[in-house]
Amino acid sequence: MLYIRSLAFNFVFYLNLIVQMILWTPYYFLSPRAWAWFVPKFWSRSSMWLYKIIGNTDNEITGTENLPEGSFILAPKHQSFWDTIAFFPYLKDPLYILKRELTWIPFFGWYIMKMRMIPVDRGSRSKALKAVIAATRAELARNPRQLIIYPEGTRRAPGDEPAYKYGIVELYSQLGVPVVPVAHVAGLYWPRRKFLRFPGTIKARFLPPIPPGLDKEEFMRRLIDETETACDELLAEAANADNPPPMPPTAAKRLAELSAAAKT
């Protein structure tokens, strides 16, 4: 049944994306940008509904009271495709930094550019980071927006050793806006590089914002400590659930470390 549900959800998920992208095209491109946000947010909510109905996987996202007004940086853990679409319905005007090549994809790239996302050229990291900071600062000055940035860059397995990149530190120090960490263990249910979708409840939490103005070392320490502590709590909750998902080796190792620490 797990394989059938997973296969069915994957098929319907991408079919839903393609159909909605085509059907909404006239409204999306003829509407003001503020109105057009209805389309991707509706797609996200409908995808999560399909995930619940077909995959038997629900979502529980808490901590919305921690989202500030105006511009801020949202800094989620990156474990799954789930965390790329689940959060932006909670944001008024989300902003992504993404590879320029994505803007070349027909329909998908046009949708991206309509929302004034920030494309980045892969090449010199220092030059790319400077260009991204300048473009982001200009966009935030134009409109209050919420920048979604994944501090670890690439997807990592639940429980894996944290590997935070320096880019978010520069964005934090240069933009002067709060950072809201986001903890979750979605990779247990929607694993990277696998088609299986495990049933259960994905729990995610918007953590209290880290205020602007901290020095770089203090900011990075707080970001890692607060995010990883909350992720450990959610990992333990998932492992102790009535119907826990399979634990990958990284998660099993981390749970063993937490258990040993609790006994000392």
C-alpha atoms as a PDB file:
ATOM      1  CA  MET A   1       0.000   0.000   0.000  1.00  0.00           C
ATOM      2  CA  LEU A   2       2.874   2.388   0.788  1.00  0.00           C
ATOM      3  CA  TYR A   3       4.272   1.981  -2.723  1.00  0.00           C
ATOM      4  CA  ILE A   4       0.857   2.453  -4.335  1.00  0.00           C
ATOM      5  CA  ARG A   5       0.086   5.565  -2.265  1.00  0.00           C
ATOM      6  CA  SER A   6       3.539   7.012  -2.966  1.00  0.00           C
ATOM      7  CA  LEU A   7       3.316   6.372  -6.688  1.00  0.00           C
ATOM      8  CA  ALA A   8      -0.210   7.783  -6.842  1.00  0.00           C
ATOM      9  CA  PHE A   9       0.731  10.909  -4.921  1.00  0.00           C
ATOM     10  CA  ASN A  10       3.815  11.612  -7.027  1.00  0.00           C
ATOM     11  CA  PHE A  11       1.793  11.300 -10.206  1.00  0.00           C
ATOM     12  CA  VAL A  12      -1.059  13.506  -8.973  1.00  0.00           C
ATOM     13  CA  PHE A  13       1.345  16.037  -7.430  1.00  0.00           C
ATOM     14  CA  TYR A  14       3.079  16.773 -10.742  1.00  0.00           C
ATOM     15  CA  LEU A  15      -0.159  16.548 -12.704  1.00  0.00           C
ATOM     16  CA  ASN A  16      -1.666  19.122 -10.343  1.00  0.00           C
ATOM     17  CA  LEU A  17       1.335  21.393 -10.908  1.00  0.00           C
ATOM     18  CA  ILE A  18       1.119  21.192 -14.702  1.00  0.00           C
ATOM     19  CA  VAL A  19      -2.658  21.565 -14.905  1.00  0.00           C
ATOM     20  CA  GLN A  20      -2.800  24.519 -12.524  1.00  0.00           C
ATOM     21  CA  MET A  21       0.127  26.240 -14.209  1.00  0.00           C
ATOM     22  CA  ILE A  22      -1.732  26.085 -17.528  1.00  0.00           C
ATOM     23  CA  LEU A  23      -5.240  26.860 -16.277  1.00  0.00           C
ATOM     24  CA  TRP A  24      -4.198  29.815 -14.120  1.00  0.00           C
ATOM     25  CA  THR A  25      -1.993  31.400 -16.793  1.00  0.00           C
ATOM     26  CA  PRO A  26      -4.452  34.119 -17.996  1.00  0.00           C
ATOM     27  CA  TYR A  27      -5.346  35.226 -14.466  1.00  0.00           C
ATOM     28  CA  TYR A  28      -1.773  34.999 -13.202  1.00  0.00           C
ATOM     29  CA  PHE A  29      -0.112  37.092 -15.863  1.00  0.00           C
ATOM     30  CA  LEU A  30      -2.907  39.642 -16.263  1.00  0.00           C
ATOM     31  CA  SER A  31      -3.306  40.297 -12.527  1.00  0.00           C
ATOM     32  CA  PRO A  32      -1.255  42.663 -10.380  1.00  0.00           C
ATOM     33  CA  ARG A  33       1.520  40.796  -8.617  1.00  0.00           C
ATOM     34  CA  ALA A  34      -0.213  41.058  -5.221  1.00  0.00           C
ATOM     35  CA  TRP A  35      -3.309  39.321  -6.600  1.00  0.00           C
ATOM     36  CA  ALA A  36      -1.303  36.797  -8.608  1.00  0.00           C
ATOM     37  CA  TRP A  37       0.195  35.395  -5.393  1.00  0.00           C
ATOM     38  CA  PHE A  38      -3.127  33.600  -4.938  1.00  0.00           C
ATOM     39  CA  VAL A  39      -2.092  31.093  -7.612  1.00  0.00           C
ATOM     40  CA  PRO A  40       1.146  29.641  -6.143  1.00  0.00           C
ATOM     41  CA  LYS A  41      -0.308  29.758  -2.632  1.00  0.00           C
ATOM     42  CA  PHE A  42      -3.410  27.898  -3.793  1.00  0.00           C
ATOM     43  CA  TRP A  43      -1.178  25.353  -5.531  1.00  0.00           C
ATOM     44  CA  SER A  44       0.810  24.863  -2.314  1.00  0.00           C
ATOM     45  CA  ARG A  45      -2.321  24.350  -0.228  1.00  0.00           C
ATOM     46  CA  SER A  46      -3.843  22.003  -2.792  1.00  0.00           C
ATOM     47  CA  SER A  47      -0.592  20.002  -2.910  1.00  0.00           C
ATOM     48  CA  MET A  48      -0.598  19.641   0.874  1.00  0.00           C
ATOM     49  CA  TRP A  49      -4.265  18.561   0.709  1.00  0.00           C
ATOM     50  CA  LEU A  50      -3.430  15.920  -1.894  1.00  0.00           C
ATOM     51  CA  TYR A  51      -0.527  14.777   0.275  1.00  0.00           C
ATOM     52  CA  LYS A  52      -2.944  14.291   3.181  1.00  0.00           C
ATOM     53  CA  ILE A  53      -5.668  12.564   1.158  1.00  0.00           C
ATOM     54  CA  ILE A  54      -3.458  10.311  -0.986  1.00  0.00           C
ATOM     55  CA  GLY A  55      -0.251   9.992   1.028  1.00  0.00           C
ATOM     56  CA  ASN A  56      -2.018   9.962   4.412  1.00  0.00           C
ATOM     57  CA  THR A  57       0.456  12.605   5.610  1.00  0.00           C
ATOM     58  CA  ASP A  58      -0.779  15.678   7.441  1.00  0.00           C
ATOM     59  CA  ASN A  59       1.044  18.942   8.229  1.00  0.00           C
ATOM     60  CA  GLU A  60       1.176  20.776  11.545  1.00  0.00           C
ATOM     61  CA  ILE A  61       2.944  24.137  11.275  1.00  0.00           C
ATOM     62  CA  THR A  62       3.088  26.168  14.492  1.00  0.00           C
ATOM     63  CA  GLY A  63       4.687  29.386  15.688  1.00  0.00           C
ATOM     64  CA  THR A  64       3.010  31.732  13.215  1.00  0.00           C
ATOM     65  CA  GLU A  65       2.896  34.324  16.012  1.00  0.00           C
ATOM     66  CA  ASN A  66       6.687  34.546  15.615  1.00  0.00           C
ATOM     67  CA  LEU A  67       6.464  35.908  12.065  1.00  0.00           C
ATOM     68  CA  PRO A  68       7.219  39.662  12.174  1.00  0.00           C
ATOM     69  CA  GLU A  69       5.474  42.288  10.127  1.00  0.00           C
ATOM     70  CA  GLY A  70       7.303  43.653   7.085  1.00  0.00           C
ATOM     71  CA  SER A  71      10.599  42.348   5.773  1.00  0.00           C
ATOM     72  CA  PHE A  72      12.488  39.466   7.350  1.00  0.00           C
ATOM     73  CA  ILE A  73      14.539  36.410   6.435  1.00  0.00           C
ATOM     74  CA  LEU A  74      12.945  32.984   6.815  1.00  0.00           C
ATOM     75  CA  ALA A  75      15.628  30.352   7.441  1.00  0.00           C
ATOM     76  CA  PRO A  76      14.216  26.803   7.262  1.00  0.00           C
ATOM     77  CA  LYS A  77      16.053  23.521   7.529  1.00  0.00           C
ATOM     78  CA  HIS A  78      16.357  22.004   4.067  1.00  0.00           C
ATOM     79  CA  GLN A  79      15.597  18.275   4.020  1.00  0.00           C
ATOM     80  CA  SER A  80      12.946  17.776   1.388  1.00  0.00           C
ATOM     81  CA  PHE A  81      11.032  19.231  -1.519  1.00  0.00           C
ATOM     82  CA  TRP A  82       8.268  19.700   1.051  1.00  0.00           C
ATOM     83  CA  ASP A  83      10.054  22.619   2.709  1.00  0.00           C
ATOM     84  CA  THR A  84      10.320  24.480  -0.597  1.00  0.00           C
ATOM     85  CA  ILE A  85       6.539  24.804  -0.956  1.00  0.00           C
ATOM     86  CA  ALA A  86       4.983  24.398   2.487  1.00  0.00           C
ATOM     87  CA  PHE A  87       5.867  27.764   4.028  1.00  0.00           C
ATOM     88  CA  PHE A  88       5.127  30.479   1.494  1.00  0.00           C
ATOM     89  CA  PRO A  89       1.323  30.465   2.040  1.00  0.00           C
ATOM     90  CA  TYR A  90       2.163  31.841   5.502  1.00  0.00           C
ATOM     91  CA  LEU A  91       4.110  34.775   4.041  1.00  0.00           C
ATOM     92  CA  LYS A  92       2.665  37.917   2.477  1.00  0.00           C
ATOM     93  CA  ASP A  93       5.226  38.387  -0.295  1.00  0.00           C
ATOM     94  CA  PRO A  94       7.908  35.679  -0.243  1.00  0.00           C
ATOM     95  CA  LEU A  95      11.167  36.105  -2.112  1.00  0.00           C
ATOM     96  CA  TYR A  96      13.511  33.350  -3.274  1.00  0.00           C
ATOM     97  CA  ILE A  97      17.107  33.423  -4.450  1.00  0.00           C
ATOM     98  CA  LEU A  98      17.444  30.767  -7.148  1.00  0.00           C
ATOM     99  CA  LYS A  99      19.637  29.531  -9.966  1.00  0.00           C
ATOM    100  CA  ARG A 100      19.291  31.628 -13.115  1.00  0.00           C
ATOM    101  CA  GLU A 101      18.844  28.469 -15.188  1.00  0.00           C
ATOM    102  CA  LEU A 102      15.433  27.923 -13.585  1.00  0.00           C
ATOM    103  CA  THR A 103      14.150  31.102 -15.214  1.00  0.00           C
ATOM    104  CA  TRP A 104      14.808  29.591 -18.637  1.00  0.00           C
ATOM    105  CA  ILE A 105      12.232  26.801 -18.168  1.00  0.00           C
ATOM    106  CA  PRO A 106       9.044  27.537 -20.166  1.00  0.00           C
ATOM    107  CA  PHE A 107       6.041  28.422 -17.998  1.00  0.00           C
ATOM    108  CA  PHE A 108       7.891  27.690 -14.749  1.00  0.00           C
ATOM    109  CA  GLY A 109      10.516  30.346 -15.450  1.00  0.00           C
ATOM    110  CA  TRP A 110       7.853  32.850 -16.505  1.00  0.00           C
ATOM    111  CA  TYR A 111       5.979  32.231 -13.265  1.00  0.00           C
ATOM    112  CA  ILE A 112       9.180  32.843 -11.298  1.00  0.00           C
ATOM    113  CA  MET A 113       9.999  36.115 -12.993  1.00  0.00           C
ATOM    114  CA  LYS A 114       6.444  37.416 -12.542  1.00  0.00           C
ATOM    115  CA  MET A 115       7.077  37.339  -8.784  1.00  0.00           C
ATOM    116  CA  ARG A 116      10.413  39.151  -9.104  1.00  0.00           C
ATOM    117  CA  MET A 117      12.552  36.394  -7.639  1.00  0.00           C
ATOM    118  CA  ILE A 118      16.305  36.933  -7.593  1.00  0.00           C
ATOM    119  CA  PRO A 119      18.261  34.777 -10.052  1.00  0.00           C
ATOM    120  CA  VAL A 120      21.929  34.154  -9.371  1.00  0.00           C
ATOM    121  CA  ASP A 121      24.693  33.112 -11.761  1.00  0.00           C
ATOM    122  CA  ARG A 122      26.730  30.135 -10.680  1.00  0.00           C
ATOM    123  CA  GLY A 123      30.394  31.077 -10.730  1.00  0.00           C
ATOM    124  CA  SER A 124      32.487  33.125  -8.345  1.00  0.00           C
ATOM    125  CA  ARG A 125      30.798  32.775  -4.971  1.00  0.00           C
ATOM    126  CA  SER A 126      32.013  36.121  -3.682  1.00  0.00           C
ATOM    127  CA  LYS A 127      30.788  37.997  -6.769  1.00  0.00           C
ATOM    128  CA  ALA A 128      27.501  36.107  -6.769  1.00  0.00           C
ATOM    129  CA  LEU A 129      26.919  36.855  -3.080  1.00  0.00           C
ATOM    130  CA  LYS A 130      27.588  40.572  -3.570  1.00  0.00           C
ATOM    131  CA  ALA A 131      25.185  40.690  -6.507  1.00  0.00           C
ATOM    132  CA  VAL A 132      22.522  38.810  -4.540  1.00  0.00           C
ATOM    133  CA  ILE A 133      22.844  41.138  -1.546  1.00  0.00           C
ATOM    134  CA  ALA A 134      22.567  44.219  -3.756  1.00  0.00           C
ATOM    135  CA  ALA A 135      19.538  42.849  -5.619  1.00  0.00           C
ATOM    136  CA  THR A 136      17.836  41.735  -2.399  1.00  0.00           C
ATOM    137  CA  ARG A 137      18.434  45.072  -0.684  1.00  0.00           C
ATOM    138  CA  ALA A 138      16.893  46.867  -3.676  1.00  0.00           C
ATOM    139  CA  GLU A 139      13.882  44.533  -3.677  1.00  0.00           C
ATOM    140  CA  LEU A 140      13.261  44.956   0.058  1.00  0.00           C
ATOM    141  CA  ALA A 141      13.489  48.717  -0.330  1.00  0.00           C
ATOM    142  CA  ARG A 142      10.884  48.520  -3.075  1.00  0.00           C
ATOM    143  CA  ASN A 143       8.418  46.356  -1.088  1.00  0.00           C
ATOM    144  CA  PRO A 144       8.370  44.663   2.329  1.00  0.00           C
ATOM    145  CA  ARG A 145       9.156  41.049   1.451  1.00  0.00           C
ATOM    146  CA  GLN A 146      10.140  37.847   3.203  1.00  0.00           C
ATOM    147  CA  LEU A 147      13.360  36.288   1.906  1.00  0.00           C
ATOM    148  CA  ILE A 148      13.424  32.490   2.131  1.00  0.00           C
ATOM    149  CA  ILE A 149      16.982  31.227   2.416  1.00  0.00           C
ATOM    150  CA  TYR A 150      18.189  27.749   3.363  1.00  0.00           C
ATOM    151  CA  PRO A 151      21.211  28.210   5.663  1.00  0.00           C
ATOM    152  CA  GLU A 152      22.719  24.830   4.768  1.00  0.00           C
ATOM    153  CA  GLY A 153      22.248  25.320   1.030  1.00  0.00           C
ATOM    154  CA  THR A 154      21.556  21.764  -0.079  1.00  0.00           C
ATOM    155  CA  ARG A 155      19.153  19.184   1.326  1.00  0.00           C
ATOM    156  CA  ARG A 156      20.464  17.166   4.255  1.00  0.00           C
ATOM    157  CA  ALA A 157      19.076  14.066   5.908  1.00  0.00           C
ATOM    158  CA  PRO A 158      17.200  14.328   9.227  1.00  0.00           C
ATOM    159  CA  GLY A 159      19.579  14.162  12.177  1.00  0.00           C
ATOM    160  CA  ASP A 160      22.644  14.815  10.031  1.00  0.00           C
ATOM    161  CA  GLU A 161      25.473  16.986  11.324  1.00  0.00           C
ATOM    162  CA  PRO A 162      24.619  20.672  10.730  1.00  0.00           C
ATOM    163  CA  ALA A 163      26.533  22.326   7.885  1.00  0.00           C
ATOM    164  CA  TYR A 164      25.492  25.983   7.856  1.00  0.00           C
ATOM    165  CA  LYS A 165      26.965  28.197   5.130  1.00  0.00           C
ATOM    166  CA  TYR A 166      28.356  31.686   5.573  1.00  0.00           C
ATOM    167  CA  GLY A 167      26.004  33.264   3.026  1.00  0.00           C
ATOM    168  CA  ILE A 168      23.156  33.745   5.488  1.00  0.00           C
ATOM    169  CA  VAL A 169      25.507  35.568   7.864  1.00  0.00           C
ATOM    170  CA  GLU A 170      26.324  38.117   5.184  1.00  0.00           C
ATOM    171  CA  LEU A 171      22.675  38.527   4.236  1.00  0.00           C
ATOM    172  CA  TYR A 172      21.758  39.031   7.895  1.00  0.00           C
ATOM    173  CA  SER A 173      24.485  41.601   8.525  1.00  0.00           C
ATOM    174  CA  GLN A 174      23.961  43.502   5.263  1.00  0.00           C
ATOM    175  CA  LEU A 175      20.157  43.584   5.132  1.00  0.00           C
ATOM    176  CA  GLY A 176      19.510  44.500   8.764  1.00  0.00           C
ATOM    177  CA  VAL A 177      16.272  42.521   9.148  1.00  0.00           C
ATOM    178  CA  PRO A 178      15.199  39.812  11.626  1.00  0.00           C
ATOM    179  CA  VAL A 179      15.799  36.140  10.874  1.00  0.00           C
ATOM    180  CA  VAL A 180      13.122  33.556  11.682  1.00  0.00           C
ATOM    181  CA  PRO A 181      14.584  30.032  11.963  1.00  0.00           C
ATOM    182  CA  VAL A 182      12.286  27.157  10.987  1.00  0.00           C
ATOM    183  CA  ALA A 183      12.654  23.682  12.466  1.00  0.00           C
ATOM    184  CA  HIS A 184      11.133  20.528  10.969  1.00  0.00           C
ATOM    185  CA  VAL A 185      11.923  16.923  10.123  1.00  0.00           C
ATOM    186  CA  ALA A 186      10.014  16.656   6.837  1.00  0.00           C
ATOM    187  CA  GLY A 187      12.786  14.500   5.408  1.00  0.00           C
ATOM    188  CA  LEU A 188      11.482  11.590   7.494  1.00  0.00           C
ATOM    189  CA  TYR A 189       8.213  11.617   5.543  1.00  0.00           C
ATOM    190  CA  TRP A 190       9.192  13.068   2.140  1.00  0.00           C
ATOM    191  CA  PRO A 191      12.805  11.873   1.801  1.00  0.00           C
ATOM    192  CA  ARG A 192      15.256  13.393  -0.630  1.00  0.00           C
ATOM    193  CA  ARG A 193      16.025  11.379  -3.770  1.00  0.00           C
ATOM    194  CA  LYS A 194      13.289   8.818  -3.029  1.00  0.00           C
ATOM    195  CA  PHE A 195       9.774   8.437  -4.363  1.00  0.00           C
ATOM    196  CA  LEU A 196       8.362   6.947  -1.134  1.00  0.00           C
ATOM    197  CA  ARG A 197       6.059   9.175   0.934  1.00  0.00           C
ATOM    198  CA  PHE A 198       5.602   7.939   4.482  1.00  0.00           C
ATOM    199  CA  PRO A 199       2.359   8.521   6.414  1.00  0.00           C
ATOM    200  CA  GLY A 200       2.142  10.531   9.607  1.00  0.00           C
ATOM    201  CA  THR A 201       2.190  14.196  10.574  1.00  0.00           C
ATOM    202  CA  ILE A 202       4.982  16.535   9.477  1.00  0.00           C
ATOM    203  CA  LYS A 203       5.537  19.009  12.281  1.00  0.00           C
ATOM    204  CA  ALA A 204       7.282  22.312  11.613  1.00  0.00           C
ATOM    205  CA  ARG A 205       7.818  25.306  13.867  1.00  0.00           C
ATOM    206  CA  PHE A 206       8.531  28.984  13.173  1.00  0.00           C
ATOM    207  CA  LEU A 207      10.936  29.912  15.975  1.00  0.00           C
ATOM    208  CA  PRO A 208      11.212  33.330  17.660  1.00  0.00           C
ATOM    209  CA  PRO A 209      12.985  35.826  15.389  1.00  0.00           C
ATOM    210  CA  ILE A 210      16.642  36.609  15.875  1.00  0.00           C
ATOM    211  CA  PRO A 211      16.814  40.424  15.972  1.00  0.00           C
ATOM    212  CA  PRO A 212      19.087  42.390  13.636  1.00  0.00           C
ATOM    213  CA  GLY A 213      22.280  43.971  14.905  1.00  0.00           C
ATOM    214  CA  LEU A 214      24.055  41.005  16.501  1.00  0.00           C
ATOM    215  CA  ASP A 215      27.674  40.377  15.604  1.00  0.00           C
ATOM    216  CA  LYS A 216      28.217  37.653  13.034  1.00  0.00           C
ATOM    217  CA  GLU A 217      29.521  34.991  15.419  1.00  0.00           C
ATOM    218  CA  GLU A 218      26.686  35.486  17.911  1.00  0.00           C
ATOM    219  CA  PHE A 219      24.100  35.381  15.138  1.00  0.00           C
ATOM    220  CA  MET A 220      25.459  32.142  13.698  1.00  0.00           C
ATOM    221  CA  ARG A 221      25.685  30.553  17.133  1.00  0.00           C
ATOM    222  CA  ARG A 222      22.067  31.412  17.912  1.00  0.00           C
ATOM    223  CA  LEU A 223      20.811  30.315  14.503  1.00  0.00           C
ATOM    224  CA  ILE A 224      22.447  26.901  14.760  1.00  0.00           C
ATOM    225  CA  ASP A 225      21.695  26.292  18.451  1.00  0.00           C
ATOM    226  CA  GLU A 226      18.046  27.333  18.298  1.00  0.00           C
ATOM    227  CA  THR A 227      17.294  25.554  15.017  1.00  0.00           C
ATOM    228  CA  GLU A 228      19.058  22.318  15.896  1.00  0.00           C
ATOM    229  CA  THR A 229      17.582  22.168  19.411  1.00  0.00           C
ATOM    230  CA  ALA A 230      14.061  22.487  18.007  1.00  0.00           C
ATOM    231  CA  CYS A 231      14.809  19.928  15.276  1.00  0.00           C
ATOM    232  CA  ASP A 232      16.025  17.471  17.916  1.00  0.00           C
ATOM    233  CA  GLU A 233      12.732  17.912  19.785  1.00  0.00           C
ATOM    234  CA  LEU A 234      10.706  17.294  16.631  1.00  0.00           C
ATOM    235  CA  LEU A 235      12.858  14.294  15.727  1.00  0.00           C
ATOM    236  CA  ALA A 236      12.215  12.731  19.139  1.00  0.00           C
ATOM    237  CA  GLU A 237       8.480  13.430  18.795  1.00  0.00           C
ATOM    238  CA  ALA A 238       8.383  11.756  15.388  1.00  0.00           C
ATOM    239  CA  ALA A 239      10.295   8.722  16.664  1.00  0.00           C
ATOM    240  CA  ASN A 240       7.861   8.339  19.572  1.00  0.00           C
ATOM    241  CA  ALA A 241       4.697   8.824  17.509  1.00  0.00           C
ATOM    242  CA  ASP A 242       2.096   6.055  17.304  1.00  0.00           C
ATOM    243  CA  ASN A 243       3.074   5.307  13.714  1.00  0.00           C
ATOM    244  CA  PRO A 244       6.664   6.555  13.381  1.00  0.00           C
ATOM    245  CA  PRO A 245       8.284   6.838   9.952  1.00  0.00           C
ATOM    246  CA  PRO A 246      11.439   4.817   9.223  1.00  0.00           C
ATOM    247  CA  MET A 247      14.530   6.420  10.745  1.00  0.00           C
ATOM    248  CA  PRO A 248      17.447   6.895   8.341  1.00  0.00           C
ATOM    249  CA  PRO A 249      20.917   6.148   9.787  1.00  0.00           C
ATOM    250  CA  THR A 250      21.563   9.840  10.495  1.00  0.00           C
ATOM    251  CA  ALA A 251      18.336  10.135  12.488  1.00  0.00           C
ATOM    252  CA  ALA A 252      18.951   6.892  14.400  1.00  0.00           C
ATOM    253  CA  LYS A 253      22.452   8.057  15.296  1.00  0.00           C
ATOM    254  CA  ARG A 254      21.201  11.443  16.478  1.00  0.00           C
ATOM    255  CA  LEU A 255      18.458   9.841  18.584  1.00  0.00           C
ATOM    256  CA  ALA A 256      21.050   7.593  20.224  1.00  0.00           C
ATOM    257  CA  GLU A 257      23.193  10.646  21.012  1.00  0.00           C
ATOM    258  CA  LEU A 258      20.229  12.463  22.540  1.00  0.00           C
ATOM    259  CA  SER A 259      19.309   9.414  24.608  1.00  0.00           C
ATOM    260  CA  ALA A 260      22.859   9.073  25.909  1.00  0.00           C
ATOM    261  CA  ALA A 261      23.025  12.777  26.762  1.00  0.00           C
ATOM    262  CA  ALA A 262      19.748  12.542  28.683  1.00  0.00           C
ATOM    263  CA  LYS A 263      21.159   9.756  30.879  1.00  0.00           C
ATOM    264  CA  THR A 264      24.273  11.697  31.900  1.00  0.00           C
END
